[in-house]
Amino acid sequence: MLLSGVLERLGEEGYAAEALLALEDLPLMLRVEATGRPFGETVGQYACGAARRFAQLASGDDWLALLTALEHARDPGSACLKHMLEWSLRRDAEAPADGCGGSCTCAAT
């Protein structure tokens, strides 16, 4: 996956789901599915939302970590998606148990 294509199209749920499948990381996909389920999100919706939430909420250090991951990646597009998903999953694991208004990572998608 080309990074520019991934970033441009991650806002599309169908593309986000396909990109997640292309990672061939079943444990990651299962974590995404399990985390999105309580919020009524499909894996595609969660992946799409993770990219949006990262863009809106990531700190400077988070962006630096992404750039470092991209610098060392064979496939920058896949590395970007995986990094954003892992970031979002970590944030959602730390979220209060009572939820955040009905969407993952405490931000509207």
C-alpha atoms as a PDB file:
ATOM      1  CA  MET A   1       0.000   0.000   0.000  1.00  0.00           C
ATOM      2  CA  LEU A   2       1.231   3.477  -0.804  1.00  0.00           C
ATOM      3  CA  LEU A   3       1.105   5.821   2.161  1.00  0.00           C
ATOM      4  CA  SER A   4      -0.594   8.629   0.248  1.00  0.00           C
ATOM      5  CA  GLY A   5      -3.339   6.274  -0.940  1.00  0.00           C
ATOM      6  CA  VAL A   6      -3.929   4.903   2.537  1.00  0.00           C
ATOM      7  CA  LEU A   7      -4.160   8.338   4.141  1.00  0.00           C
ATOM      8  CA  GLU A   8      -6.420   9.621   1.396  1.00  0.00           C
ATOM      9  CA  ARG A   9      -8.846   6.708   1.512  1.00  0.00           C
ATOM     10  CA  LEU A  10      -8.927   5.688   5.183  1.00  0.00           C
ATOM     11  CA  GLY A  11     -12.013   7.844   5.582  1.00  0.00           C
ATOM     12  CA  GLU A  12     -13.909   5.265   3.520  1.00  0.00           C
ATOM     13  CA  GLU A  13     -15.161   2.422   5.702  1.00  0.00           C
ATOM     14  CA  GLY A  14     -14.930  -0.206   2.940  1.00  0.00           C
ATOM     15  CA  TYR A  15     -11.363   0.722   2.067  1.00  0.00           C
ATOM     16  CA  ALA A  16     -10.370   0.793   5.739  1.00  0.00           C
ATOM     17  CA  ALA A  17     -11.741  -2.735   6.190  1.00  0.00           C
ATOM     18  CA  GLU A  18      -9.845  -3.970   3.110  1.00  0.00           C
ATOM     19  CA  ALA A  19      -6.645  -2.287   4.280  1.00  0.00           C
ATOM     20  CA  LEU A  20      -7.012  -3.947   7.680  1.00  0.00           C
ATOM     21  CA  LEU A  21      -7.457  -7.336   6.013  1.00  0.00           C
ATOM     22  CA  ALA A  22      -4.371  -6.682   3.884  1.00  0.00           C
ATOM     23  CA  LEU A  23      -2.270  -6.382   7.053  1.00  0.00           C
ATOM     24  CA  GLU A  24      -2.762 -10.150   7.512  1.00  0.00           C
ATOM     25  CA  ASP A  25      -2.659  -9.687  11.274  1.00  0.00           C
ATOM     26  CA  LEU A  26      -5.488 -11.787  12.682  1.00  0.00           C
ATOM     27  CA  PRO A  27      -4.815 -10.922  16.353  1.00  0.00           C
ATOM     28  CA  LEU A  28      -4.953  -7.212  15.497  1.00  0.00           C
ATOM     29  CA  MET A  29      -8.179  -7.677  13.554  1.00  0.00           C
ATOM     30  CA  LEU A  30      -9.744  -9.568  16.464  1.00  0.00           C
ATOM     31  CA  ARG A  31      -8.728  -6.802  18.880  1.00  0.00           C
ATOM     32  CA  VAL A  32     -10.219  -4.184  16.548  1.00  0.00           C
ATOM     33  CA  GLU A  33     -13.453  -6.161  16.250  1.00  0.00           C
ATOM     34  CA  ALA A  34     -13.711  -6.686  20.013  1.00  0.00           C
ATOM     35  CA  THR A  35     -12.964  -3.050  20.822  1.00  0.00           C
ATOM     36  CA  GLY A  36     -15.406  -1.638  18.286  1.00  0.00           C
ATOM     37  CA  ARG A  37     -18.257  -4.044  19.092  1.00  0.00           C
ATOM     38  CA  PRO A  38     -19.514  -2.273  22.277  1.00  0.00           C
ATOM     39  CA  PHE A  39     -19.716   0.962  20.281  1.00  0.00           C
ATOM     40  CA  GLY A  40     -21.568  -0.676  17.381  1.00  0.00           C
ATOM     41  CA  GLU A  41     -18.588  -0.247  15.071  1.00  0.00           C
ATOM     42  CA  THR A  42     -17.573  -2.737  12.391  1.00  0.00           C
ATOM     43  CA  VAL A  43     -13.859  -3.379  11.830  1.00  0.00           C
ATOM     44  CA  GLY A  44     -13.995  -0.987   8.880  1.00  0.00           C
ATOM     45  CA  GLN A  45     -15.671   1.715  10.925  1.00  0.00           C
ATOM     46  CA  TYR A  46     -13.166   1.265  13.730  1.00  0.00           C
ATOM     47  CA  ALA A  47     -10.184   1.421  11.333  1.00  0.00           C
ATOM     48  CA  CYS A  48     -11.633   4.489   9.640  1.00  0.00           C
ATOM     49  CA  GLY A  49     -12.302   6.122  13.003  1.00  0.00           C
ATOM     50  CA  ALA A  50      -8.847   5.223  14.323  1.00  0.00           C
ATOM     51  CA  ALA A  51      -7.231   7.207  11.510  1.00  0.00           C
ATOM     52  CA  ARG A  52      -9.528  10.176  12.149  1.00  0.00           C
ATOM     53  CA  ARG A  53      -8.973  10.042  15.901  1.00  0.00           C
ATOM     54  CA  PHE A  54      -5.223   9.817  15.455  1.00  0.00           C
ATOM     55  CA  ALA A  55      -5.274  12.869  13.181  1.00  0.00           C
ATOM     56  CA  GLN A  56      -7.369  14.810  15.712  1.00  0.00           C
ATOM     57  CA  LEU A  57      -5.963  13.656  19.042  1.00  0.00           C
ATOM     58  CA  ALA A  58      -2.394  12.397  18.602  1.00  0.00           C
ATOM     59  CA  SER A  59       0.318  14.305  20.398  1.00  0.00           C
ATOM     60  CA  GLY A  60       3.541  15.485  18.842  1.00  0.00           C
ATOM     61  CA  ASP A  61       5.255  12.450  20.341  1.00  0.00           C
ATOM     62  CA  ASP A  62       2.647  10.171  18.764  1.00  0.00           C
ATOM     63  CA  TRP A  63       3.298  11.723  15.358  1.00  0.00           C
ATOM     64  CA  LEU A  64       7.053  11.396  15.843  1.00  0.00           C
ATOM     65  CA  ALA A  65       6.611   7.708  16.680  1.00  0.00           C
ATOM     66  CA  LEU A  66       4.546   7.283  13.503  1.00  0.00           C
ATOM     67  CA  LEU A  67       7.190   8.986  11.378  1.00  0.00           C
ATOM     68  CA  THR A  68       9.876   6.790  12.919  1.00  0.00           C
ATOM     69  CA  ALA A  69       7.821   3.668  12.164  1.00  0.00           C
ATOM     70  CA  LEU A  70       7.317   4.842   8.576  1.00  0.00           C
ATOM     71  CA  GLU A  71      11.022   5.512   8.131  1.00  0.00           C
ATOM     72  CA  HIS A  72      11.832   1.880   8.912  1.00  0.00           C
ATOM     73  CA  ALA A  73       8.875   0.259   7.148  1.00  0.00           C
ATOM     74  CA  ARG A  74       8.976  -1.699   3.910  1.00  0.00           C
ATOM     75  CA  ASP A  75       5.321  -0.845   3.356  1.00  0.00           C
ATOM     76  CA  PRO A  76       4.624   2.648   4.737  1.00  0.00           C
ATOM     77  CA  GLY A  77       0.871   2.471   4.092  1.00  0.00           C
ATOM     78  CA  SER A  78       0.444  -0.708   6.106  1.00  0.00           C
ATOM     79  CA  ALA A  79       2.780   0.564   8.818  1.00  0.00           C
ATOM     80  CA  CYS A  80       0.756   3.771   9.088  1.00  0.00           C
ATOM     81  CA  LEU A  81      -2.552   1.950   9.440  1.00  0.00           C
ATOM     82  CA  LYS A  82      -1.140  -0.511  11.950  1.00  0.00           C
ATOM     83  CA  HIS A  83       0.401   2.292  14.021  1.00  0.00           C
ATOM     84  CA  MET A  84      -2.864   4.257  14.079  1.00  0.00           C
ATOM     85  CA  LEU A  85      -4.848   1.160  15.030  1.00  0.00           C
ATOM     86  CA  GLU A  86      -2.448   0.233  17.826  1.00  0.00           C
ATOM     87  CA  TRP A  87      -2.552   3.827  19.111  1.00  0.00           C
ATOM     88  CA  SER A  88      -6.347   3.836  19.091  1.00  0.00           C
ATOM     89  CA  LEU A  89      -6.576   0.413  20.743  1.00  0.00           C
ATOM     90  CA  ARG A  90      -4.246   1.560  23.531  1.00  0.00           C
ATOM     91  CA  ARG A  91      -6.307   4.696  24.092  1.00  0.00           C
ATOM     92  CA  ASP A  92      -9.560   2.725  24.128  1.00  0.00           C
ATOM     93  CA  ALA A  93      -8.117   0.225  26.624  1.00  0.00           C
ATOM     94  CA  GLU A  94      -7.382   3.152  28.959  1.00  0.00           C
ATOM     95  CA  ALA A  95     -10.839   4.770  28.491  1.00  0.00           C
ATOM     96  CA  PRO A  96     -13.292   4.821  31.398  1.00  0.00           C
ATOM     97  CA  ALA A  97     -15.528   1.762  31.603  1.00  0.00           C
ATOM     98  CA  ASP A  98     -18.693   3.885  31.394  1.00  0.00           C
ATOM     99  CA  GLY A  99     -17.879   4.906  27.824  1.00  0.00           C
ATOM    100  CA  CYS A 100     -17.247   8.220  26.177  1.00  0.00           C
ATOM    101  CA  GLY A 101     -20.501   9.181  24.578  1.00  0.00           C
ATOM    102  CA  GLY A 102     -20.853   6.200  22.286  1.00  0.00           C
ATOM    103  CA  SER A 103     -17.672   6.191  20.233  1.00  0.00           C
ATOM    104  CA  CYS A 104     -14.214   4.745  20.630  1.00  0.00           C
ATOM    105  CA  THR A 105     -11.252   6.827  21.806  1.00  0.00           C
ATOM    106  CA  CYS A 106     -13.533   9.452  23.331  1.00  0.00           C
ATOM    107  CA  ALA A 107     -13.931  11.390  20.081  1.00  0.00           C
ATOM    108  CA  ALA A 108     -16.698  11.548  17.538  1.00  0.00           C
ATOM    109  CA  THR A 109     -15.868   9.777  14.317  1.00  0.00           C
END
